[in-house]
Amino acid sequence: MTGGDVCVSVRGLSKKFARSLKRSFVYGARDIARVLLRRPPDDSLRATEFWAVRDVSFDLRRGESVGIVGQNGSGKTTLLRMICGILRPTLGSVEVRGRIAPMLALGAGFKPVLSGRQNVFLNLALLGVAERDIRARFDAIVDFAELHEAIDAPLGTYSSGMQARLGFACAVHTDPSILVVDEVLSVGDARFRVKCRNKINDLRRQGTSLLLVSHSAVLVETLSDQCLFLRGGRTAAFGSAKDVLLAYQADIATKPAAATAAPKTAVSSADGVLRIAGVTFGGNDAEWATGDTALLEVEVDNDAAIADVSVNVMVFDLAAPGSEAVLVMMSSQDAGWLHLPPGRNTVRLRMPSLGLLTGSYRVKVSVSRTELHDILAVVDDVRVAVRSAHRAELGVYHQTRTWDAPGLAMDAAHDPDVTAEALDDG
C-alpha cells in the first residue's frame, strides 16, 4: 500500500476464465493445488482460457472517486469483484484499507421467504455491522427505502424496484469508507434516483471514497475525480474524467470501412423496378462529426420513371444492439414524395447540425412507394462513425445551444456556442 491516504491499491491485477465449464472445474482444482503447494500462479493461457482483466494498476485515495468506463466485456465488473473480494485474482494484488460497501447487484443475498425487516438484519450482518448498530440504523434504512408499509411483508412480494431500493438503503447505511457502485444508480423513479445520487454526494463529503462503473458519461464526469478506461481487460487510459471520457468516446467511434459503391446486402423488390446502387457519406469517408453538417447520399437506379417514392433512413447505435433506432428520417414526411426520372438518381440528405454523439452506428436505408410504403429496395449493412473534435458530450444527443445570463463570462475552453453546461442525474 503506497501512501497513507491510499485506501485501495491495485497492482498488476489479472484474472483469466475458461470458456468451457468442464475445463474451468479442472483448472480450478489445479490452481487450488498450486496454492496449497505454495507454487507461483500459472500466468499462461490454457485451452479455452482468456484474460478478462490483464495487468491493471491504480490507486484510490481517501475521499476521492474513480470512475471506470469501457465497452461491454472490457472487464469492469470483474475488476470490481476482485477489489471487493468476491473473485480471487489470477495474478497481482489488491490491498484495501476500510470497510467496503459493494453495490454490484442490489438485493444480492436477500432471502425471498424472509421479511424485509429480517433481510435488513441479515444483509447488514453479512456486511459486518453489529446488531446494536443495525437496530440503531433500522428506521433510517426504512425511511430511505420508503418501505414503511411493506417492511414486514415477505421479500418475495416486493417488486424488483422495491428490492433494489432496500438493497441500496442497506449499503449506504453501513458507514462505508469505500463505496463500490456498478450500474445501480437507475434504482426506482426519477425522484428516488435523485435521492440516491444526493446520498452518495453526502457520503463523499464525509470522506467516503467511490469506485463507480457506469455507461452514463454524465455520472462519470460529475461524480469522478479520475477515470480508468478499460479496453479488452487492459488499461487504455487513466487520468482526469474529462480527458479519459474524450478518449473513450473517440475509441468507440472507431472508423468503419467506407460504404461500398454496390452494397452487398442490397435487397430489391421482385419486380426490380428500382435498385440502390450505393450509399456514401459525403466523400465516402463513413464518418460524421457531432455538431457539424452531415451528408448522406443515396444512389438509386430505376429503368423507368417512378412516382410517389420515399427514401427512408434509420440509424441504430452499435453499442446498444437490439435497441430501437435512435434516429428515423423519411423524405416523404420531411420533403414530400419523390418523382424520379429514369436512370441513376442521387438523393442527398443534409443535416446542418448533427445531433448524434460520438460512437459507431449502423445505417439502414430503404426506398418505399405510396402511402403504404411498399418496399422497393433495402440496404442494411452501412456503418458510420461519429466523432467529436471538441469535448466529451454528455447525454444522448448533441443540441446546438447558447447561454445568456447576468454576469455570465465566456469561457474559451468551451465550444463557441456553449458557455456553460447543465448537470443532471443521468
Protein backbone atom coordinates (compact mmCIF):
# COMPACT_ATOMS: atom_id res chain seq x y z
CA MET A 1 0.00 0.00 0.00
CA THR A 2 1.63 3.21 -1.15
CA GLY A 3 0.92 6.42 0.74
CA GLY A 4 -1.01 6.84 3.95
CA ASP A 5 -4.08 8.27 2.22
CA VAL A 6 -4.48 5.38 -0.24
CA CYS A 7 -7.46 3.18 0.67
CA VAL A 8 -7.41 0.85 -2.37
CA SER A 9 -4.18 -0.14 -4.11
CA VAL A 10 -4.43 -2.30 -7.23
CA ARG A 11 -1.19 -3.67 -8.63
CA GLY A 12 -0.81 -5.79 -11.76
CA LEU A 13 -4.30 -7.23 -11.29
CA SER A 14 -5.20 -10.01 -13.72
CA LYS A 15 -7.99 -12.57 -13.97
CA LYS A 16 -8.50 -15.34 -16.50
CA PHE A 17 -11.50 -17.55 -17.12
CA ALA A 18 -12.15 -20.71 -19.13
CA ARG A 19 -14.91 -20.62 -21.71
CA SER A 20 -15.54 -24.34 -21.11
CA LEU A 21 -17.39 -25.15 -17.87
CA LYS A 22 -15.83 -28.59 -17.65
CA ARG A 23 -12.31 -27.26 -18.10
CA SER A 24 -12.95 -24.46 -15.60
CA PHE A 25 -13.53 -27.09 -12.87
CA VAL A 26 -10.35 -28.94 -13.86
CA TYR A 27 -8.27 -25.77 -14.00
CA GLY A 28 -9.76 -24.55 -10.72
CA ALA A 29 -8.71 -27.76 -8.95
CA ARG A 30 -5.19 -27.45 -10.36
CA ASP A 31 -4.93 -23.81 -9.28
CA ILE A 32 -6.06 -24.68 -5.74
CA ALA A 33 -3.40 -27.38 -5.63
CA ARG A 34 -0.75 -24.85 -6.70
CA VAL A 35 -1.79 -22.54 -3.86
CA LEU A 36 -1.68 -25.39 -1.31
CA LEU A 37 1.76 -26.41 -2.57
CA ARG A 38 2.85 -22.74 -2.46
CA ARG A 39 3.76 -22.70 -6.11
CA PRO A 40 3.55 -19.46 -8.12
CA PRO A 41 0.35 -18.95 -10.12
CA ASP A 42 0.30 -20.03 -13.77
CA ASP A 43 0.35 -16.91 -15.96
CA SER A 44 -0.04 -18.81 -19.25
CA LEU A 45 -3.34 -19.30 -21.05
CA ARG A 46 -4.53 -22.89 -21.26
CA ALA A 47 -7.05 -24.25 -23.78
CA THR A 48 -10.32 -22.23 -23.83
CA GLU A 49 -8.94 -19.64 -21.37
CA PHE A 50 -8.90 -15.87 -21.88
CA TRP A 51 -7.85 -12.83 -19.85
CA ALA A 52 -10.88 -10.90 -18.57
CA VAL A 53 -8.60 -8.41 -16.78
CA ARG A 54 -4.89 -8.07 -17.52
CA ASP A 55 -2.22 -6.12 -15.60
CA VAL A 56 -4.38 -3.29 -14.23
CA SER A 57 -2.88 -0.93 -11.62
CA PHE A 58 -4.23 2.21 -9.94
CA ASP A 59 -4.75 3.81 -6.51
CA LEU A 60 -7.92 5.14 -4.92
CA ARG A 61 -7.26 7.77 -2.26
CA ARG A 62 -9.45 8.63 0.69
CA GLY A 63 -12.31 10.93 -0.18
CA GLU A 64 -11.67 10.63 -3.92
CA SER A 65 -13.66 8.96 -6.68
CA VAL A 66 -12.51 6.86 -9.62
CA GLY A 67 -14.92 6.17 -12.48
CA ILE A 68 -14.41 3.08 -14.64
CA VAL A 69 -15.58 3.03 -18.26
CA GLY A 70 -15.29 0.60 -21.14
CA GLN A 71 -17.46 -1.27 -23.59
CA ASN A 72 -19.35 -4.40 -22.54
CA GLY A 73 -16.94 -7.25 -21.89
CA SER A 74 -13.98 -4.96 -21.13
CA GLY A 75 -13.55 -6.34 -17.58
CA LYS A 76 -15.16 -3.59 -15.48
CA THR A 77 -17.36 -5.82 -13.30
CA THR A 78 -14.65 -8.48 -12.96
CA LEU A 79 -12.26 -5.80 -11.70
CA LEU A 80 -14.76 -4.58 -9.10
CA ARG A 81 -15.46 -8.13 -7.93
CA MET A 82 -11.77 -8.72 -7.32
CA ILE A 83 -11.49 -5.45 -5.40
CA CYS A 84 -14.49 -6.44 -3.25
CA GLY A 85 -13.02 -9.88 -2.56
CA ILE A 86 -15.72 -11.80 -4.44
CA LEU A 87 -13.24 -13.13 -7.01
CA ARG A 88 -9.66 -14.24 -6.39
CA PRO A 89 -7.14 -12.65 -8.79
CA THR A 90 -5.07 -14.92 -11.01
CA LEU A 91 -2.14 -12.51 -10.74
CA GLY A 92 -1.45 -9.26 -8.95
CA SER A 93 -2.71 -7.88 -5.68
CA VAL A 94 -5.44 -5.75 -4.14
CA GLU A 95 -4.94 -4.00 -0.81
CA VAL A 96 -7.92 -2.38 0.90
CA ARG A 97 -8.00 -0.16 3.98
CA GLY A 98 -11.50 0.39 5.29
CA ARG A 99 -14.97 -1.06 5.05
CA ILE A 100 -16.25 -1.64 1.52
CA ALA A 101 -19.95 -1.30 0.74
CA PRO A 102 -20.37 -3.20 -2.56
CA MET A 103 -23.33 -2.24 -4.73
CA LEU A 104 -22.70 -4.68 -7.56
CA ALA A 105 -26.16 -6.25 -7.65
CA LEU A 106 -28.60 -4.62 -5.27
CA GLY A 107 -30.53 -7.18 -3.28
CA ALA A 108 -27.99 -9.95 -3.86
CA GLY A 109 -28.10 -12.27 -0.85
CA PHE A 110 -31.65 -11.32 0.11
CA LYS A 111 -33.94 -14.25 1.01
CA PRO A 112 -37.41 -14.11 -0.58
CA VAL A 113 -39.03 -16.11 2.22
CA LEU A 114 -37.85 -13.63 4.88
CA SER A 115 -39.49 -10.29 5.54
CA GLY A 116 -37.92 -7.02 4.55
CA ARG A 117 -37.08 -6.41 8.22
CA GLN A 118 -35.32 -9.76 8.55
CA ASN A 119 -33.41 -9.18 5.32
CA VAL A 120 -32.12 -5.84 6.60
CA PHE A 121 -30.64 -7.53 9.66
CA LEU A 122 -29.24 -10.39 7.54
CA ASN A 123 -27.74 -8.12 4.87
CA LEU A 124 -26.05 -5.71 7.26
CA ALA A 125 -24.72 -8.56 9.40
CA LEU A 126 -23.08 -10.00 6.28
CA LEU A 127 -21.54 -6.58 5.66
CA GLY A 128 -20.00 -6.65 9.12
CA VAL A 129 -22.36 -4.34 11.01
CA ALA A 130 -23.00 -5.22 14.68
CA GLU A 131 -26.59 -5.99 15.71
CA ARG A 132 -26.83 -2.97 18.03
CA ASP A 133 -25.76 -0.72 15.15
CA ILE A 134 -28.30 -2.34 12.81
CA ARG A 135 -31.06 -1.60 15.31
CA ALA A 136 -29.89 1.99 15.62
CA ARG A 137 -29.94 2.46 11.84
CA PHE A 138 -33.04 0.41 11.02
CA ASP A 139 -35.53 3.29 10.96
CA ALA A 140 -33.24 5.39 8.76
CA ILE A 141 -32.91 2.49 6.32
CA VAL A 142 -36.68 2.01 6.08
CA ASP A 143 -37.23 5.76 5.72
CA PHE A 144 -34.68 5.97 2.91
CA ALA A 145 -36.10 2.94 1.08
CA GLU A 146 -39.66 4.26 1.59
CA LEU A 147 -40.95 0.80 2.54
CA HIS A 148 -42.75 1.53 5.80
CA GLU A 149 -45.92 -0.37 4.91
CA ALA A 150 -44.14 -3.34 3.32
CA ILE A 151 -41.17 -3.84 5.63
CA ASP A 152 -42.77 -6.81 7.46
CA ALA A 153 -44.06 -8.47 4.27
CA PRO A 154 -42.07 -11.34 2.69
CA LEU A 155 -39.44 -10.07 0.29
CA GLY A 156 -40.91 -12.34 -2.37
CA THR A 157 -43.91 -10.00 -2.54
CA TYR A 158 -41.69 -6.99 -3.36
CA SER A 159 -41.24 -5.70 -6.87
CA SER A 160 -37.71 -5.68 -8.28
CA GLY A 161 -37.60 -1.92 -7.74
CA MET A 162 -38.58 -2.25 -4.09
CA GLN A 163 -35.87 -4.87 -3.54
CA ALA A 164 -33.27 -2.66 -5.20
CA ARG A 165 -34.29 0.32 -3.06
CA LEU A 166 -33.90 -1.77 0.07
CA GLY A 167 -30.51 -3.04 -1.11
CA PHE A 168 -29.28 0.48 -1.81
CA ALA A 169 -30.54 1.73 1.56
CA CYS A 170 -28.71 -1.10 3.36
CA ALA A 171 -25.45 -0.46 1.52
CA VAL A 172 -25.28 3.28 2.20
CA HIS A 173 -26.11 2.88 5.91
CA THR A 174 -23.09 0.74 6.75
CA ASP A 175 -20.81 3.75 7.34
CA PRO A 176 -18.59 2.64 4.44
CA SER A 177 -15.19 4.15 3.86
CA ILE A 178 -15.25 2.80 0.28
CA LEU A 179 -18.38 2.66 -1.85
CA VAL A 180 -18.31 0.41 -4.93
CA VAL A 181 -21.11 1.09 -7.41
CA ASP A 182 -21.69 -0.96 -10.57
CA GLU A 183 -24.51 0.36 -12.79
CA VAL A 184 -27.04 0.58 -9.95
CA LEU A 185 -27.93 4.26 -9.96
CA SER A 186 -31.07 3.64 -12.03
CA VAL A 187 -32.99 2.45 -8.97
CA GLY A 188 -36.66 3.45 -8.75
CA ASP A 189 -38.26 6.50 -10.30
CA ALA A 190 -36.58 9.80 -11.13
CA ARG A 191 -37.25 11.26 -7.68
CA PHE A 192 -35.66 8.27 -5.93
CA ARG A 193 -32.66 8.33 -8.30
CA VAL A 194 -32.03 11.94 -7.28
CA LYS A 195 -32.24 10.82 -3.66
CA CYS A 196 -29.63 8.08 -4.28
CA ARG A 197 -27.34 10.50 -6.12
CA ASN A 198 -27.50 13.05 -3.29
CA LYS A 199 -26.89 10.35 -0.67
CA ILE A 200 -23.69 9.36 -2.47
CA ASN A 201 -22.66 13.01 -2.52
CA ASP A 202 -23.31 13.22 1.25
CA LEU A 203 -21.11 10.18 1.83
CA ARG A 204 -18.36 11.68 -0.29
CA ARG A 205 -18.48 14.91 1.72
CA GLN A 206 -17.97 12.77 4.82
CA GLY A 207 -14.81 11.30 3.30
CA THR A 208 -16.13 8.13 1.66
CA SER A 209 -14.16 7.04 -1.41
CA LEU A 210 -16.04 5.91 -4.51
CA LEU A 211 -15.43 3.38 -7.28
CA LEU A 212 -18.06 3.87 -9.97
CA VAL A 213 -18.87 1.86 -13.09
CA SER A 214 -21.46 3.46 -15.34
CA HIS A 215 -22.27 3.86 -19.04
CA SER A 216 -23.57 7.35 -18.23
CA ALA A 217 -20.94 9.93 -19.15
CA VAL A 218 -22.86 12.44 -17.02
CA LEU A 219 -22.47 10.36 -13.88
CA VAL A 220 -18.83 9.51 -14.52
CA GLU A 221 -17.77 13.09 -15.26
CA THR A 222 -19.72 14.69 -12.40
CA LEU A 223 -19.01 12.04 -9.73
CA SER A 224 -15.39 11.14 -10.56
CA ASP A 225 -12.09 12.85 -9.80
CA GLN A 226 -10.21 10.41 -12.03
CA CYS A 227 -11.29 7.86 -14.60
CA LEU A 228 -9.99 4.45 -15.73
CA PHE A 229 -10.71 3.33 -19.29
CA LEU A 230 -10.55 -0.43 -19.84
CA ARG A 231 -10.25 -1.91 -23.32
CA GLY A 232 -10.10 -5.70 -23.64
CA GLY A 233 -9.32 -6.02 -19.93
CA ARG A 234 -6.30 -3.71 -20.08
CA THR A 235 -5.81 -0.09 -19.08
CA ALA A 236 -6.31 2.08 -22.15
CA ALA A 237 -6.20 5.41 -20.28
CA PHE A 238 -6.15 6.76 -16.73
CA GLY A 239 -6.42 10.40 -15.72
CA SER A 240 -8.94 13.21 -15.36
CA ALA A 241 -12.53 12.18 -16.04
CA LYS A 242 -12.91 14.74 -18.84
CA ASP A 243 -9.80 13.64 -20.73
CA VAL A 244 -10.42 9.91 -20.32
CA LEU A 245 -14.07 10.18 -21.37
CA LEU A 246 -12.95 12.01 -24.51
CA ALA A 247 -10.50 9.18 -25.27
CA TYR A 248 -13.18 6.55 -24.55
CA GLN A 249 -15.76 8.19 -26.79
CA ALA A 250 -13.20 8.55 -29.57
CA ASP A 251 -12.35 4.87 -29.19
CA ILE A 252 -15.92 3.64 -29.53
CA ALA A 253 -16.20 5.68 -32.71
CA THR A 254 -13.54 3.60 -34.47
CA LYS A 255 -13.85 4.47 -38.14
CA PRO A 256 -15.56 1.64 -40.05
CA ALA A 257 -14.83 0.65 -43.61
CA ALA A 258 -16.31 3.05 -46.11
CA ALA A 259 -19.59 2.07 -47.73
CA THR A 260 -19.08 0.19 -50.97
CA ALA A 261 -20.42 1.51 -54.24
CA ALA A 262 -22.68 -1.52 -54.53
CA PRO A 263 -23.77 -2.71 -51.05
CA LYS A 264 -23.61 -6.48 -50.77
CA THR A 265 -26.90 -6.83 -48.93
CA ALA A 266 -28.98 -4.58 -51.14
CA VAL A 267 -32.41 -6.15 -51.42
CA SER A 268 -34.68 -5.15 -54.28
CA SER A 269 -38.35 -5.82 -54.84
CA ALA A 270 -39.41 -8.75 -57.01
CA ASP A 271 -40.41 -6.52 -59.92
CA GLY A 272 -36.92 -4.99 -59.98
CA VAL A 273 -38.19 -1.50 -60.77
CA LEU A 274 -35.56 0.12 -58.55
CA ARG A 275 -32.13 -0.70 -57.09
CA ILE A 276 -29.93 1.05 -54.50
CA ALA A 277 -26.55 1.40 -56.24
CA GLY A 278 -24.61 2.99 -53.38
CA VAL A 279 -24.68 4.81 -50.05
CA THR A 280 -21.94 7.33 -49.21
CA PHE A 281 -21.29 9.92 -46.53
CA GLY A 282 -20.17 13.00 -48.43
CA GLY A 283 -16.86 11.87 -49.86
CA ASN A 284 -17.35 8.22 -48.85
CA ASP A 285 -15.44 8.74 -45.56
CA ALA A 286 -18.01 6.84 -43.47
CA GLU A 287 -17.56 9.50 -40.80
CA TRP A 288 -19.62 12.36 -39.40
CA ALA A 289 -18.85 14.92 -36.69
CA THR A 290 -21.17 15.92 -33.86
CA GLY A 291 -22.49 19.45 -34.38
CA ASP A 292 -21.20 19.71 -37.96
CA THR A 293 -23.11 19.38 -41.23
CA ALA A 294 -23.60 15.71 -42.09
CA LEU A 295 -24.33 14.45 -45.58
CA LEU A 296 -25.76 11.12 -46.72
CA GLU A 297 -26.02 10.34 -50.43
CA VAL A 298 -28.14 7.50 -51.80
CA GLU A 299 -27.69 6.49 -55.43
CA VAL A 300 -30.73 4.85 -56.99
CA ASP A 301 -31.06 3.12 -60.37
CA ASN A 302 -34.51 2.85 -61.94
CA ASP A 303 -35.16 1.88 -65.55
CA ALA A 304 -38.39 3.81 -65.86
CA ALA A 305 -39.78 6.94 -64.23
CA ILE A 306 -41.28 6.23 -60.84
CA ALA A 307 -43.54 8.43 -58.71
CA ASP A 308 -44.56 8.62 -55.05
CA VAL A 309 -41.22 7.35 -53.74
CA SER A 310 -39.77 7.85 -50.24
CA VAL A 311 -36.13 7.36 -49.18
CA ASN A 312 -36.02 6.31 -45.54
CA VAL A 313 -33.01 6.36 -43.21
CA MET A 314 -32.85 4.58 -39.84
CA VAL A 315 -29.80 4.93 -37.58
CA PHE A 316 -29.01 2.33 -34.89
CA ASP A 317 -26.42 2.60 -32.10
CA LEU A 318 -23.97 -0.31 -32.41
CA ALA A 319 -23.20 -0.01 -28.68
CA ALA A 320 -26.80 -0.97 -27.91
CA PRO A 321 -27.61 -3.93 -30.18
CA GLY A 322 -31.26 -4.87 -30.39
CA SER A 323 -32.47 -1.40 -29.42
CA GLU A 324 -34.81 0.77 -31.43
CA ALA A 325 -33.49 3.25 -33.98
CA VAL A 326 -32.05 6.39 -32.41
CA LEU A 327 -32.92 8.40 -35.49
CA VAL A 328 -35.52 7.91 -38.25
CA MET A 329 -35.81 10.23 -41.27
CA MET A 330 -38.23 9.86 -44.20
CA SER A 331 -38.14 12.05 -47.28
CA SER A 332 -41.91 11.65 -47.74
CA GLN A 333 -42.54 13.20 -44.33
CA ASP A 334 -39.83 15.85 -44.46
CA ALA A 335 -39.92 16.99 -48.09
CA GLY A 336 -42.83 15.20 -49.79
CA TRP A 337 -43.00 12.31 -52.24
CA LEU A 338 -40.18 11.97 -54.76
CA HIS A 339 -40.75 11.60 -58.50
CA LEU A 340 -37.63 10.02 -60.01
CA PRO A 341 -36.84 10.17 -63.75
CA PRO A 342 -35.37 7.07 -65.42
CA GLY A 343 -31.66 6.40 -64.95
CA ARG A 344 -29.36 6.94 -61.98
CA ASN A 345 -30.64 9.42 -59.39
CA THR A 346 -28.82 10.75 -56.34
CA VAL A 347 -30.87 11.62 -53.26
CA ARG A 348 -28.99 13.77 -50.75
CA LEU A 349 -29.89 14.04 -47.07
CA ARG A 350 -28.20 17.01 -45.41
CA MET A 351 -28.24 17.54 -41.62
CA PRO A 352 -26.97 21.07 -40.80
CA SER A 353 -26.01 20.27 -37.19
CA LEU A 354 -25.68 16.57 -36.44
CA GLY A 355 -27.16 15.60 -33.07
CA LEU A 356 -25.67 12.10 -32.81
CA LEU A 357 -22.96 11.74 -30.19
CA THR A 358 -19.56 10.07 -30.56
CA GLY A 359 -19.94 6.39 -31.37
CA SER A 360 -20.37 3.81 -34.12
CA TYR A 361 -23.72 3.45 -35.85
CA ARG A 362 -25.46 1.17 -38.34
CA VAL A 363 -27.45 2.92 -41.05
CA LYS A 364 -30.38 1.20 -42.75
CA VAL A 365 -31.58 2.79 -45.99
CA SER A 366 -34.80 1.77 -47.72
CA VAL A 367 -36.79 3.06 -50.65
CA SER A 368 -40.56 2.70 -50.44
CA ARG A 369 -43.55 3.71 -52.54
CA THR A 370 -47.03 5.14 -51.85
CA GLU A 371 -48.78 5.68 -48.52
CA LEU A 372 -48.46 2.01 -47.56
CA HIS A 373 -44.69 2.24 -48.08
CA ASP A 374 -44.24 -0.88 -50.19
CA ILE A 375 -40.51 -1.60 -50.01
CA LEU A 376 -38.68 -1.37 -53.33
CA ALA A 377 -35.10 -1.76 -52.05
CA VAL A 378 -33.21 -2.01 -48.77
CA VAL A 379 -29.57 -1.66 -47.70
CA ASP A 380 -28.83 -2.68 -44.11
CA ASP A 381 -25.04 -3.06 -43.88
CA VAL A 382 -23.82 0.53 -43.89
CA ARG A 383 -21.71 1.73 -40.92
CA VAL A 384 -20.77 5.26 -39.93
CA ALA A 385 -18.55 6.64 -37.17
CA VAL A 386 -19.44 9.84 -35.36
CA ARG A 387 -16.69 11.81 -33.65
CA SER A 388 -16.48 14.98 -31.58
CA ALA A 389 -13.40 17.11 -32.03
CA HIS A 390 -14.14 19.41 -29.11
CA ARG A 391 -15.33 17.67 -25.96
CA ALA A 392 -16.80 14.52 -24.43
CA GLU A 393 -20.51 15.08 -24.87
CA LEU A 394 -22.99 14.28 -22.09
CA GLY A 395 -26.50 12.92 -22.52
CA VAL A 396 -27.85 11.04 -25.52
CA TYR A 397 -27.60 13.65 -28.29
CA HIS A 398 -25.95 16.96 -29.10
CA GLN A 399 -28.04 20.13 -29.01
CA THR A 400 -26.56 23.24 -30.59
CA ARG A 401 -27.02 25.89 -27.91
CA THR A 402 -26.08 29.24 -26.39
CA TRP A 403 -26.46 30.55 -22.84
CA ASP A 404 -27.34 34.06 -21.68
CA ALA A 405 -27.48 35.16 -18.05
CA PRO A 406 -26.43 38.20 -15.95
CA GLY A 407 -22.75 38.05 -15.09
CA LEU A 408 -22.02 35.19 -17.45
CA ALA A 409 -18.49 35.28 -18.86
CA MET A 410 -17.45 33.36 -21.97
CA ASP A 411 -15.01 30.56 -21.19
CA ALA A 412 -12.55 29.98 -24.02
CA ALA A 413 -12.31 26.31 -23.01
CA HIS A 414 -15.89 25.77 -24.12
CA ASP A 415 -17.21 25.44 -27.64
CA PRO A 416 -18.05 28.81 -29.26
CA ASP A 417 -21.78 28.15 -28.97
CA VAL A 418 -21.71 26.98 -25.35
CA THR A 419 -20.89 29.00 -22.25
CA ALA A 420 -21.98 26.57 -19.54
CA GLU A 421 -23.25 23.02 -19.09
CA ALA A 422 -26.26 21.77 -17.19
CA LEU A 423 -25.67 18.82 -14.91
CA ASP A 424 -28.31 16.17 -14.36
CA ASP A 425 -28.53 12.78 -12.66
CA GLY A 426 -28.07 10.88 -15.94
